[in-house]
PDB file of N, CA and C in Angstrom:
ATOM      1  N   UNK A   1     -23.850 -11.912  40.658  1.00  0.00           N
ATOM      2  CA  UNK A   1     -23.478 -11.245  39.624  1.00  0.00           C
ATOM      3  C   UNK A   1     -22.659 -12.131  38.648  1.00  0.00           C
ATOM      4  N   UNK A   2     -23.023 -11.606  37.043  1.00  0.00           N
ATOM      5  CA  UNK A   2     -22.308 -11.828  36.119  1.00  0.00           C
ATOM      6  C   UNK A   2     -20.943 -11.096  35.727  1.00  0.00           C
ATOM      7  N   UNK A   3     -20.352 -12.536  34.400  1.00  0.00           N
ATOM      8  CA  UNK A   3     -19.614 -11.240  34.724  1.00  0.00           C
ATOM      9  C   UNK A   3     -19.922 -10.123  33.726  1.00  0.00           C
ATOM     10  N   UNK A   4     -20.374 -10.783  32.786  1.00  0.00           N
ATOM     11  CA  UNK A   4     -20.692  -9.692  31.268  1.00  0.00           C
ATOM     12  C   UNK A   4     -21.095  -8.542  31.943  1.00  0.00           C
ATOM     13  N   UNK A   5     -22.129  -8.953  33.440  1.00  0.00           N
ATOM     14  CA  UNK A   5     -22.143  -7.269  33.767  1.00  0.00           C
ATOM     15  C   UNK A   5     -22.357  -6.740  34.514  1.00  0.00           C
ATOM     16  N   UNK A   6     -20.385  -6.807  35.587  1.00  0.00           N
ATOM     17  CA  UNK A   6     -19.545  -6.805  36.162  1.00  0.00           C
ATOM     18  C   UNK A   6     -18.411  -5.693  34.721  1.00  0.00           C
ATOM     19  N   UNK A   7     -18.321  -6.323  33.960  1.00  0.00           N
ATOM     20  CA  UNK A   7     -17.908  -5.706  32.977  1.00  0.00           C
ATOM     21  C   UNK A   7     -17.927  -4.790  31.966  1.00  0.00           C
ATOM     22  N   UNK A   8     -19.648  -4.905  31.674  1.00  0.00           N
ATOM     23  CA  UNK A   8     -20.209  -3.887  31.375  1.00  0.00           C
ATOM     24  C   UNK A   8     -20.346  -2.517  31.995  1.00  0.00           C
ATOM     25  N   UNK A   9     -20.324  -2.592  33.600  1.00  0.00           N
ATOM     26  CA  UNK A   9     -20.202  -1.708  33.739  1.00  0.00           C
ATOM     27  C   UNK A   9     -19.840  -0.185  33.557  1.00  0.00           C
ATOM     28  N   UNK A  10     -18.746  -0.105  33.122  1.00  0.00           N
ATOM     29  CA  UNK A  10     -17.814   0.990  33.425  1.00  0.00           C
ATOM     30  C   UNK A  10     -17.994   1.447  31.909  1.00  0.00           C
ATOM     31  N   UNK A  11     -18.837  -0.055  30.906  1.00  0.00           N
ATOM     32  CA  UNK A  11     -18.358   0.516  29.269  1.00  0.00           C
ATOM     33  C   UNK A  11     -20.370   1.220  29.403  1.00  0.00           C
ATOM     34  N   UNK A  12     -20.643   0.466  30.239  1.00  0.00           N
ATOM     35  CA  UNK A  12     -22.494   1.314  30.325  1.00  0.00           C
ATOM     36  C   UNK A  12     -22.374   2.699  30.493  1.00  0.00           C
ATOM     37  N   UNK A  13     -20.797   3.021  32.162  1.00  0.00           N
ATOM     38  CA  UNK A  13     -21.049   4.909  32.408  1.00  0.00           C
ATOM     39  C   UNK A  13     -20.848   5.041  31.244  1.00  0.00           C
ATOM     40  N   UNK A  14     -19.561   5.280  30.881  1.00  0.00           N
ATOM     41  CA  UNK A  14     -18.691   5.874  29.630  1.00  0.00           C
ATOM     42  C   UNK A  14     -19.639   5.884  28.418  1.00  0.00           C
ATOM     43  N   UNK A  15     -20.796   4.657  27.868  1.00  0.00           N
ATOM     44  CA  UNK A  15     -21.358   5.246  27.348  1.00  0.00           C
ATOM     45  C   UNK A  15     -22.578   6.395  27.663  1.00  0.00           C
ATOM     46  N   UNK A  16     -22.501   6.467  28.659  1.00  0.00           N
ATOM     47  CA  UNK A  16     -23.180   6.922  29.346  1.00  0.00           C
ATOM     48  C   UNK A  16     -23.449   8.326  29.384  1.00  0.00           C
ATOM     49  N   UNK A  17     -22.473   8.691  29.307  1.00  0.00           N
ATOM     50  CA  UNK A  17     -21.102   9.987  29.917  1.00  0.00           C
ATOM     51  C   UNK A  17     -21.241  10.595  28.007  1.00  0.00           C
ATOM     52  N   UNK A  18     -20.628   9.654  27.219  1.00  0.00           N
ATOM     53  CA  UNK A  18     -21.007   9.951  25.523  1.00  0.00           C
ATOM     54  C   UNK A  18     -22.674  10.183  25.424  1.00  0.00           C
ATOM     55  N   UNK A  19     -23.340   9.757  25.924  1.00  0.00           N
ATOM     56  CA  UNK A  19     -24.845   9.912  25.314  1.00  0.00           C
ATOM     57  C   UNK A  19     -25.814  11.222  25.058  1.00  0.00           C
ATOM     58  N   UNK A  20     -24.931  11.830  26.869  1.00  0.00           N
ATOM     59  CA  UNK A  20     -25.517  12.782  27.858  1.00  0.00           C
ATOM     60  C   UNK A  20     -25.096  13.923  26.602  1.00  0.00           C
ATOM     61  N   UNK A  21     -23.045  13.219  25.721  1.00  0.00           N
ATOM     62  CA  UNK A  21     -22.889  15.219  25.267  1.00  0.00           C
ATOM     63  C   UNK A  21     -22.895  14.485  23.747  1.00  0.00           C
ATOM     64  N   UNK A  22     -23.665  14.254  23.584  1.00  0.00           N
ATOM     65  CA  UNK A  22     -24.166  13.626  22.184  1.00  0.00           C
ATOM     66  C   UNK A  22     -25.689  14.287  22.250  1.00  0.00           C
ATOM     67  N   UNK A  23     -26.185  14.760  23.338  1.00  0.00           N
ATOM     68  CA  UNK A  23     -27.620  14.646  23.861  1.00  0.00           C
ATOM     69  C   UNK A  23     -27.582  15.958  23.315  1.00  0.00           C
ATOM     70  N   UNK A  24     -26.605  17.261  24.170  1.00  0.00           N
ATOM     71  CA  UNK A  24     -26.697  18.653  24.248  1.00  0.00           C
ATOM     72  C   UNK A  24     -26.224  18.599  23.238  1.00  0.00           C
ATOM     73  N   UNK A  25     -25.468  18.354  22.033  1.00  0.00           N
ATOM     74  CA  UNK A  25     -25.712  18.802  21.185  1.00  0.00           C
ATOM     75  C   UNK A  25     -26.652  18.438  20.133  1.00  0.00           C
ATOM     76  N   UNK A  26     -27.103  17.717  20.141  1.00  0.00           N
ATOM     77  CA  UNK A  26     -28.395  17.343  19.353  1.00  0.00           C
ATOM     78  C   UNK A  26     -29.592  18.841  18.813  1.00  0.00           C
ATOM     79  N   UNK A  27     -29.783  19.608  21.051  1.00  0.00           N
ATOM     80  CA  UNK A  27     -29.748  19.509  21.677  1.00  0.00           C
ATOM     81  C   UNK A  27     -30.236  21.282  20.853  1.00  0.00           C
ATOM     82  N   UNK A  28     -29.062  21.858  20.759  1.00  0.00           N
ATOM     83  CA  UNK A  28     -28.792  22.959  20.907  1.00  0.00           C
ATOM     84  C   UNK A  28     -28.432  23.343  19.278  1.00  0.00           C
ATOM     85  N   UNK A  29     -28.690  21.594  18.345  1.00  0.00           N
ATOM     86  CA  UNK A  29     -28.949  22.280  16.856  1.00  0.00           C
ATOM     87  C   UNK A  29     -30.303  22.887  16.349  1.00  0.00           C
ATOM     88  N   UNK A  30     -30.952  21.876  17.446  1.00  0.00           N
ATOM     89  CA  UNK A  30     -32.299  21.029  16.953  1.00  0.00           C
ATOM     90  C   UNK A  30     -33.160  22.290  17.671  1.00  0.00           C
ATOM     91  N   UNK A  31     -32.547  23.667  18.620  1.00  0.00           N
ATOM     92  CA  UNK A  31     -33.562  24.726  19.098  1.00  0.00           C
ATOM     93  C   UNK A  31     -32.908  25.557  18.138  1.00  0.00           C
ATOM     94  N   UNK A  32     -31.991  25.592  17.796  1.00  0.00           N
ATOM     95  CA  UNK A  32     -31.828  27.045  17.170  1.00  0.00           C
ATOM     96  C   UNK A  32     -32.161  26.731  15.988  1.00  0.00           C
ATOM     97  N   UNK A  33     -32.312  25.775  15.088  1.00  0.00           N
ATOM     98  CA  UNK A  33     -33.155  25.110  13.386  1.00  0.00           C
ATOM     99  C   UNK A  33     -34.802  26.466  13.817  1.00  0.00           C
ATOM    100  N   UNK A  34     -35.332  25.384  15.701  1.00  0.00           N
ATOM    101  CA  UNK A  34     -36.790  25.747  15.678  1.00  0.00           C
ATOM    102  C   UNK A  34     -36.669  27.377  16.011  1.00  0.00           C
ATOM    103  N   UNK A  35     -35.589  28.650  16.601  1.00  0.00           N
ATOM    104  CA  UNK A  35     -35.820  29.566  16.458  1.00  0.00           C
ATOM    105  C   UNK A  35     -34.927  30.478  16.256  1.00  0.00           C
ATOM    106  N   UNK A  36     -34.045  29.821  16.129  1.00  0.00           N
ATOM    107  CA  UNK A  36     -32.931  30.469  15.774  1.00  0.00           C
ATOM    108  C   UNK A  36     -32.316  31.600  16.640  1.00  0.00           C
ATOM    109  N   UNK A  37     -32.065  31.302  17.755  1.00  0.00           N
ATOM    110  CA  UNK A  37     -31.312  31.920  18.939  1.00  0.00           C
ATOM    111  C   UNK A  37     -30.784  30.442  19.849  1.00  0.00           C
ATOM    112  N   UNK A  38     -30.246  30.895  20.404  1.00  0.00           N
ATOM    113  CA  UNK A  38     -29.646  29.730  21.988  1.00  0.00           C
ATOM    114  C   UNK A  38     -30.915  29.849  22.960  1.00  0.00           C
ATOM    115  N   UNK A  39     -30.690  28.453  22.619  1.00  0.00           N
ATOM    116  CA  UNK A  39     -31.627  27.466  24.534  1.00  0.00           C
ATOM    117  C   UNK A  39     -32.246  28.748  25.555  1.00  0.00           C
ATOM    118  N   UNK A  40     -33.529  28.645  26.046  1.00  0.00           N
ATOM    119  CA  UNK A  40     -33.337  29.400  26.922  1.00  0.00           C
ATOM    120  C   UNK A  40     -33.331  28.957  28.189  1.00  0.00           C
ATOM    121  N   UNK A  41     -32.622  29.546  29.528  1.00  0.00           N
ATOM    122  CA  UNK A  41     -32.675  28.914  30.743  1.00  0.00           C
ATOM    123  C   UNK A  41     -33.361  28.589  31.072  1.00  0.00           C
ATOM    124  N   UNK A  42     -33.512  27.998  33.115  1.00  0.00           N
ATOM    125  CA  UNK A  42     -35.023  28.755  33.637  1.00  0.00           C
ATOM    126  C   UNK A  42     -35.032  30.397  33.959  1.00  0.00           C
ATOM    127  N   UNK A  43     -33.706  30.554  34.519  1.00  0.00           N
ATOM    128  CA  UNK A  43     -33.662  31.259  34.770  1.00  0.00           C
ATOM    129  C   UNK A  43     -33.667  32.832  33.619  1.00  0.00           C
ATOM    130  N   UNK A  44     -33.743  32.501  32.551  1.00  0.00           N
ATOM    131  CA  UNK A  44     -33.202  33.255  31.252  1.00  0.00           C
ATOM    132  C   UNK A  44     -34.855  34.880  31.776  1.00  0.00           C
ATOM    133  N   UNK A  45     -34.711  36.224  32.544  1.00  0.00           N
ATOM    134  CA  UNK A  45     -35.997  36.953  32.277  1.00  0.00           C
ATOM    135  C   UNK A  45     -36.373  37.534  31.338  1.00  0.00           C
ATOM    136  N   UNK A  46     -35.697  37.124  30.562  1.00  0.00           N
ATOM    137  CA  UNK A  46     -35.885  38.245  29.022  1.00  0.00           C
ATOM    138  C   UNK A  46     -36.645  36.656  28.386  1.00  0.00           C
ATOM    139  N   UNK A  47     -37.511  35.522  28.929  1.00  0.00           N
ATOM    140  CA  UNK A  47     -38.155  34.168  27.579  1.00  0.00           C
ATOM    141  C   UNK A  47     -39.572  34.247  29.001  1.00  0.00           C
ATOM    142  N   UNK A  48     -39.794  33.943  28.103  1.00  0.00           N
ATOM    143  CA  UNK A  48     -41.841  33.774  28.391  1.00  0.00           C
ATOM    144  C   UNK A  48     -41.811  32.422  28.689  1.00  0.00           C
ATOM    145  N   UNK A  49     -42.600  32.023  30.063  1.00  0.00           N
ATOM    146  CA  UNK A  49     -42.927  30.740  30.369  1.00  0.00           C
ATOM    147  C   UNK A  49     -42.223  29.936  29.470  1.00  0.00           C
ATOM    148  N   UNK A  50     -43.195  30.059  28.785  1.00  0.00           N
ATOM    149  CA  UNK A  50     -43.562  28.456  27.326  1.00  0.00           C
ATOM    150  C   UNK A  50     -43.014  29.032  26.341  1.00  0.00           C
ATOM    151  N   UNK A  51     -41.678  29.881  26.745  1.00  0.00           N
ATOM    152  CA  UNK A  51     -40.211  29.580  25.426  1.00  0.00           C
ATOM    153  C   UNK A  51     -39.494  28.652  26.371  1.00  0.00           C
ATOM    154  N   UNK A  52     -39.267  28.613  27.940  1.00  0.00           N
ATOM    155  CA  UNK A  52     -38.377  27.400  28.495  1.00  0.00           C
ATOM    156  C   UNK A  52     -39.208  26.620  28.840  1.00  0.00           C
ATOM    157  N   UNK A  53     -41.123  26.287  28.701  1.00  0.00           N
ATOM    158  CA  UNK A  53     -40.853  24.696  28.793  1.00  0.00           C
ATOM    159  C   UNK A  53     -41.215  24.803  28.126  1.00  0.00           C
ATOM    160  N   UNK A  54     -40.682  24.898  26.663  1.00  0.00           N
ATOM    161  CA  UNK A  54     -40.852  24.375  25.498  1.00  0.00           C
ATOM    162  C   UNK A  54     -39.818  24.102  25.035  1.00  0.00           C
ATOM    163  N   UNK A  55     -38.337  24.398  25.350  1.00  0.00           N
ATOM    164  CA  UNK A  55     -36.695  24.063  25.349  1.00  0.00           C
ATOM    165  C   UNK A  55     -37.292  23.044  26.630  1.00  0.00           C
ATOM    166  N   UNK A  56     -37.483  23.265  27.525  1.00  0.00           N
ATOM    167  CA  UNK A  56     -37.433  21.304  28.484  1.00  0.00           C
ATOM    168  C   UNK A  56     -37.758  20.589  28.106  1.00  0.00           C
ATOM    169  N   UNK A  57     -39.018  20.706  27.755  1.00  0.00           N
ATOM    170  CA  UNK A  57     -39.470  19.457  26.742  1.00  0.00           C
ATOM    171  C   UNK A  57     -38.738  18.685  25.937  1.00  0.00           C
ATOM    172  N   UNK A  58     -38.776  20.644  25.364  1.00  0.00           N
ATOM    173  CA  UNK A  58     -37.989  19.281  23.138  1.00  0.00           C
ATOM    174  C   UNK A  58     -36.005  18.702  24.394  1.00  0.00           C
ATOM    175  N   UNK A  59     -35.812  19.277  25.140  1.00  0.00           N
ATOM    176  CA  UNK A  59     -34.537  18.944  25.750  1.00  0.00           C
ATOM    177  C   UNK A  59     -34.817  17.103  26.296  1.00  0.00           C
ATOM    178  N   UNK A  60     -35.618  17.256  27.646  1.00  0.00           N
ATOM    179  CA  UNK A  60     -36.048  16.104  27.772  1.00  0.00           C
ATOM    180  C   UNK A  60     -36.341  14.781  26.814  1.00  0.00           C
ATOM    181  N   UNK A  61     -37.207  15.459  25.828  1.00  0.00           N
ATOM    182  CA  UNK A  61     -37.560  14.117  25.026  1.00  0.00           C
ATOM    183  C   UNK A  61     -36.439  13.691  24.527  1.00  0.00           C
ATOM    184  N   UNK A  62     -35.404  14.732  23.417  1.00  0.00           N
ATOM    185  CA  UNK A  62     -34.732  14.497  23.132  1.00  0.00           C
ATOM    186  C   UNK A  62     -33.126  13.169  24.050  1.00  0.00           C
ATOM    187  N   UNK A  63     -33.094  13.571  25.200  1.00  0.00           N
ATOM    188  CA  UNK A  63     -31.901  13.336  25.661  1.00  0.00           C
ATOM    189  C   UNK A  63     -32.811  11.486  26.208  1.00  0.00           C
ATOM    190  N   UNK A  64     -33.742  11.367  25.731  1.00  0.00           N
ATOM    191  CA  UNK A  64     -34.515  10.298  26.303  1.00  0.00           C
ATOM    192  C   UNK A  64     -34.076   9.286  25.120  1.00  0.00           C
ATOM    193  N   UNK A  65     -34.622   9.921  24.100  1.00  0.00           N
ATOM    194  CA  UNK A  65     -34.129   9.282  22.970  1.00  0.00           C
ATOM    195  C   UNK A  65     -32.537   9.104  23.056  1.00  0.00           C
ATOM    196  N   UNK A  66     -31.753   9.759  22.787  1.00  0.00           N
ATOM    197  CA  UNK A  66     -30.730   9.041  22.991  1.00  0.00           C
ATOM    198  C   UNK A  66     -30.484   8.169  23.892  1.00  0.00           C
ATOM    199  N   UNK A  67     -29.890   8.853  25.750  1.00  0.00           N
ATOM    200  CA  UNK A  67     -30.323   7.877  26.102  1.00  0.00           C
ATOM    201  C   UNK A  67     -30.236   6.330  25.671  1.00  0.00           C
ATOM    202  N   UNK A  68     -32.434   6.276  25.950  1.00  0.00           N
ATOM    203  CA  UNK A  68     -32.363   5.005  25.205  1.00  0.00           C
ATOM    204  C   UNK A  68     -31.969   4.441  23.888  1.00  0.00           C
ATOM    205  N   UNK A  69     -31.495   5.134  22.658  1.00  0.00           N
ATOM    206  CA  UNK A  69     -31.210   4.631  22.252  1.00  0.00           C
ATOM    207  C   UNK A  69     -28.753   4.115  22.076  1.00  0.00           C
ATOM    208  N   UNK A  70     -28.650   4.638  22.655  1.00  0.00           N
ATOM    209  CA  UNK A  70     -27.065   4.339  22.956  1.00  0.00           C
ATOM    210  C   UNK A  70     -27.431   3.499  24.385  1.00  0.00           C
ATOM    211  N   UNK A  71     -28.251   2.750  25.174  1.00  0.00           N
ATOM    212  CA  UNK A  71     -28.561   2.249  26.363  1.00  0.00           C
ATOM    213  C   UNK A  71     -28.242   0.601  25.222  1.00  0.00           C
ATOM    214  N   UNK A  72     -28.977   0.440  24.517  1.00  0.00           N
ATOM    215  CA  UNK A  72     -29.535  -0.034  23.581  1.00  0.00           C
ATOM    216  C   UNK A  72     -28.789  -1.033  22.748  1.00  0.00           C
ATOM    217  N   UNK A  73     -28.207  -0.123  21.581  1.00  0.00           N
ATOM    218  CA  UNK A  73     -26.752  -0.250  21.253  1.00  0.00           C
ATOM    219  C   UNK A  73     -25.699  -0.525  22.379  1.00  0.00           C
ATOM    220  N   UNK A  74     -25.304  -0.002  22.987  1.00  0.00           N
ATOM    221  CA  UNK A  74     -24.005  -0.438  24.422  1.00  0.00           C
ATOM    222  C   UNK A  74     -24.554  -2.525  24.981  1.00  0.00           C
ATOM    223  N   UNK A  75     -26.232  -2.459  25.283  1.00  0.00           N
ATOM    224  CA  UNK A  75     -26.450  -3.670  25.275  1.00  0.00           C
ATOM    225  C   UNK A  75     -25.937  -5.383  24.098  1.00  0.00           C
ATOM    226  N   UNK A  76     -26.747  -4.633  23.002  1.00  0.00           N
ATOM    227  CA  UNK A  76     -26.440  -5.713  21.398  1.00  0.00           C
ATOM    228  C   UNK A  76     -25.193  -5.363  21.553  1.00  0.00           C
ATOM    229  N   UNK A  77     -24.577  -4.480  21.858  1.00  0.00           N
ATOM    230  CA  UNK A  77     -22.834  -5.086  20.994  1.00  0.00           C
ATOM    231  C   UNK A  77     -21.989  -5.499  22.100  1.00  0.00           C
ATOM    232  N   UNK A  78     -22.847  -5.964  23.729  1.00  0.00           N
ATOM    233  CA  UNK A  78     -22.385  -7.014  24.910  1.00  0.00           C
ATOM    234  C   UNK A  78     -22.834  -8.136  24.583  1.00  0.00           C
ATOM    235  N   UNK A  79     -23.509  -8.702  23.852  1.00  0.00           N
ATOM    236  CA  UNK A  79     -24.695  -9.228  23.280  1.00  0.00           C
ATOM    237  C   UNK A  79     -23.358  -9.695  22.633  1.00  0.00           C
ATOM    238  N   UNK A  80     -23.156  -9.077  21.291  1.00  0.00           N
ATOM    239  CA  UNK A  80     -22.425  -9.969  20.419  1.00  0.00           C
ATOM    240  C   UNK A  80     -20.359 -10.038  20.706  1.00  0.00           C
ATOM    241  N   UNK A  81     -20.543  -9.700  21.430  1.00  0.00           N
ATOM    242  CA  UNK A  81     -19.232  -9.882  21.967  1.00  0.00           C
ATOM    243  C   UNK A  81     -18.983 -10.987  23.229  1.00  0.00           C
ATOM    244  N   UNK A  82     -19.978 -10.341  23.667  1.00  0.00           N
ATOM    245  CA  UNK A  82     -19.443 -12.368  25.115  1.00  0.00           C
ATOM    246  C   UNK A  82     -20.860 -13.023  25.211  1.00  0.00           C
ATOM    247  N   UNK A  83     -22.274 -13.304  23.781  1.00  0.00           N
ATOM    248  CA  UNK A  83     -22.786 -14.113  24.746  1.00  0.00           C
ATOM    249  C   UNK A  83     -23.472 -13.610  24.991  1.00  0.00           C
ATOM    250  N   UNK A  84     -24.027 -12.758  25.468  1.00  0.00           N
ATOM    251  CA  UNK A  84     -24.789 -12.619  26.994  1.00  0.00           C
ATOM    252  C   UNK A  84     -25.100 -11.657  26.957  1.00  0.00           C
ATOM    253  N   UNK A  85     -25.997 -11.022  27.085  1.00  0.00           N
ATOM    254  CA  UNK A  85     -27.270 -10.271  27.556  1.00  0.00           C
ATOM    255  C   UNK A  85     -26.618  -9.037  28.763  1.00  0.00           C
ATOM    256  N   UNK A  86     -26.335  -8.054  28.754  1.00  0.00           N
ATOM    257  CA  UNK A  86     -25.411  -7.708  29.921  1.00  0.00           C
ATOM    258  C   UNK A  86     -26.970  -7.349  31.776  1.00  0.00           C
ATOM    259  N   UNK A  87     -27.821  -7.751  30.905  1.00  0.00           N
ATOM    260  CA  UNK A  87     -29.002  -6.705  32.493  1.00  0.00           C
ATOM    261  C   UNK A  87     -29.362  -8.196  33.150  1.00  0.00           C
TER     262      UNK A  87
END
């Protein structure tokens, strides 16, 4: 296993946690702009199926984009610092 990959692991883990938190904030803001209400939980009795599934779809899409952005930026920064790609 490459040294750069071993060094990148804890860095990548921290980036993943930060990215997940960022994705949660972005989703909450996006949902408030769309519905002027808090995002529904899957078990909210007063919410419709379509509202719950739309919220889950939007949340998944935002999470995937933020995760890919954070992972790519971390790998690019690692290459700039070490000269090698971490994967």
